[in-house]
Amino acid sequence: MSSKTVYRFFTAILISFMLSACSVMDEHDLYHRINEAYDFEVTHCDSFAMVTGFGRGEKALSDAKLDAIIHGEELGGTHIVWLQTDHGEPTKVVAVIYKCLR
């Protein structure tokens, strides 16, 4: 086999691995800019918003939390503190968004 053929083979394998990794990546696995915290961890921060999140189905709680986290990030928050969880249909979470200076 020539070196050009070997190079093409390894490039094709690398691309297929990258594409398969992207296809199985779940949004829950992505990095988020906001940090989950307890209320005693954000005493030096400014609370400025409350957010809610909703989820349905098999992953209702994680979807509801992700929904709230996304809202908090859109508002520019750095930390989120969970206040309430309602496991009804749909599942609902309520949280306070904080902005902490780093």
Protein backbone atom coordinates (compact mmCIF):
# COMPACT_ATOMS: atom_id res chain seq x y z
CA MET A 1 0.00 0.00 0.00
CA SER A 2 1.26 3.46 -0.79
CA SER A 3 1.56 6.11 1.88
CA LYS A 4 -1.16 8.12 0.12
CA THR A 5 -3.61 5.21 0.43
CA VAL A 6 -2.76 4.70 4.11
CA TYR A 7 -3.26 8.42 4.75
CA ARG A 8 -6.69 8.36 3.07
CA PHE A 9 -7.67 5.25 5.04
CA PHE A 10 -6.78 6.81 8.40
CA THR A 11 -8.44 10.09 7.44
CA ALA A 12 -11.67 8.24 6.56
CA ILE A 13 -11.59 6.38 9.88
CA LEU A 14 -10.96 9.59 11.82
CA ILE A 15 -13.85 11.36 10.11
CA SER A 16 -16.21 8.44 10.76
CA PHE A 17 -15.28 8.43 14.48
CA MET A 18 -15.88 12.17 14.72
CA LEU A 19 -19.26 11.91 13.02
CA SER A 20 -20.37 9.01 15.19
CA ALA A 21 -19.33 10.88 18.34
CA CYS A 22 -21.35 13.90 17.28
CA SER A 23 -24.41 11.82 16.55
CA VAL A 24 -24.52 10.20 20.00
CA MET A 25 -23.67 13.35 21.93
CA ASP A 26 -26.64 14.41 24.01
CA GLU A 27 -27.36 18.04 24.79
CA HIS A 28 -27.19 17.15 28.50
CA ASP A 29 -23.51 16.31 28.05
CA LEU A 30 -22.59 19.73 26.71
CA TYR A 31 -20.72 22.28 28.77
CA HIS A 32 -22.79 25.00 30.43
CA ARG A 33 -21.54 28.40 31.56
CA ILE A 34 -23.73 28.44 34.68
CA ASN A 35 -22.82 26.55 37.86
CA GLU A 36 -25.23 24.69 40.11
CA ALA A 37 -24.78 25.85 43.70
CA TYR A 38 -26.25 25.74 47.20
CA ASP A 39 -27.58 28.94 48.72
CA PHE A 40 -24.68 29.23 51.21
CA GLU A 41 -22.23 29.21 48.29
CA VAL A 42 -23.66 32.35 46.71
CA THR A 43 -24.02 34.64 49.75
CA HIS A 44 -21.49 37.07 48.21
CA CYS A 45 -23.38 37.18 44.89
CA ASP A 46 -26.29 39.19 43.52
CA SER A 47 -29.54 37.33 42.93
CA PHE A 48 -31.38 38.93 40.05
CA ALA A 49 -33.89 36.52 38.51
CA MET A 50 -36.05 33.48 39.04
CA VAL A 51 -36.41 30.93 36.27
CA THR A 52 -38.61 27.94 35.68
CA GLY A 53 -38.01 24.89 33.56
CA PHE A 54 -40.36 22.23 32.27
CA GLY A 55 -39.83 18.67 31.15
CA ARG A 56 -41.92 15.72 30.03
CA GLY A 57 -41.41 12.04 29.48
CA GLU A 58 -38.65 9.69 30.51
CA LYS A 59 -36.06 12.39 31.31
CA ALA A 60 -38.53 14.98 32.62
CA LEU A 61 -36.46 16.19 35.59
CA SER A 62 -33.18 16.52 33.71
CA ASP A 63 -34.99 18.22 30.80
CA ALA A 64 -36.68 20.66 33.20
CA LYS A 65 -33.36 21.50 34.84
CA LEU A 66 -31.69 21.94 31.46
CA ASP A 67 -34.52 24.27 30.40
CA ALA A 68 -33.99 26.42 33.52
CA ILE A 69 -30.20 26.39 33.09
CA ILE A 70 -30.52 27.62 29.51
CA HIS A 71 -32.79 30.46 30.65
CA GLY A 72 -30.31 31.39 33.36
CA GLU A 73 -27.44 31.43 30.88
CA GLU A 74 -29.44 33.62 28.48
CA LEU A 75 -29.91 36.11 31.33
CA GLY A 76 -26.16 36.18 31.99
CA GLY A 77 -26.20 34.33 35.31
CA THR A 78 -23.17 32.57 36.70
CA HIS A 79 -24.86 30.35 39.30
CA ILE A 80 -28.24 28.64 39.74
CA VAL A 81 -29.78 27.52 43.04
CA TRP A 82 -32.71 25.09 42.86
CA LEU A 83 -35.69 26.08 44.98
CA GLN A 84 -38.53 23.76 44.08
CA THR A 85 -39.25 20.62 42.07
CA ASP A 86 -42.77 19.55 41.11
CA HIS A 87 -42.86 16.00 39.71
CA GLY A 88 -46.29 16.47 38.14
CA GLU A 89 -47.03 16.37 34.42
CA PRO A 90 -45.15 18.28 33.18
CA THR A 91 -42.30 18.23 35.69
CA LYS A 92 -41.44 21.77 36.77
CA VAL A 93 -38.40 23.24 38.52
CA VAL A 94 -37.94 26.71 39.97
CA ALA A 95 -34.54 28.27 40.62
CA VAL A 96 -32.85 31.56 41.51
CA ILE A 97 -30.19 32.93 39.18
CA TYR A 98 -27.15 34.67 40.65
CA LYS A 99 -24.35 36.71 39.20
CA CYS A 100 -21.09 36.25 41.06
CA LEU A 101 -17.91 38.18 40.39
CA ARG A 102 -15.06 35.79 39.89
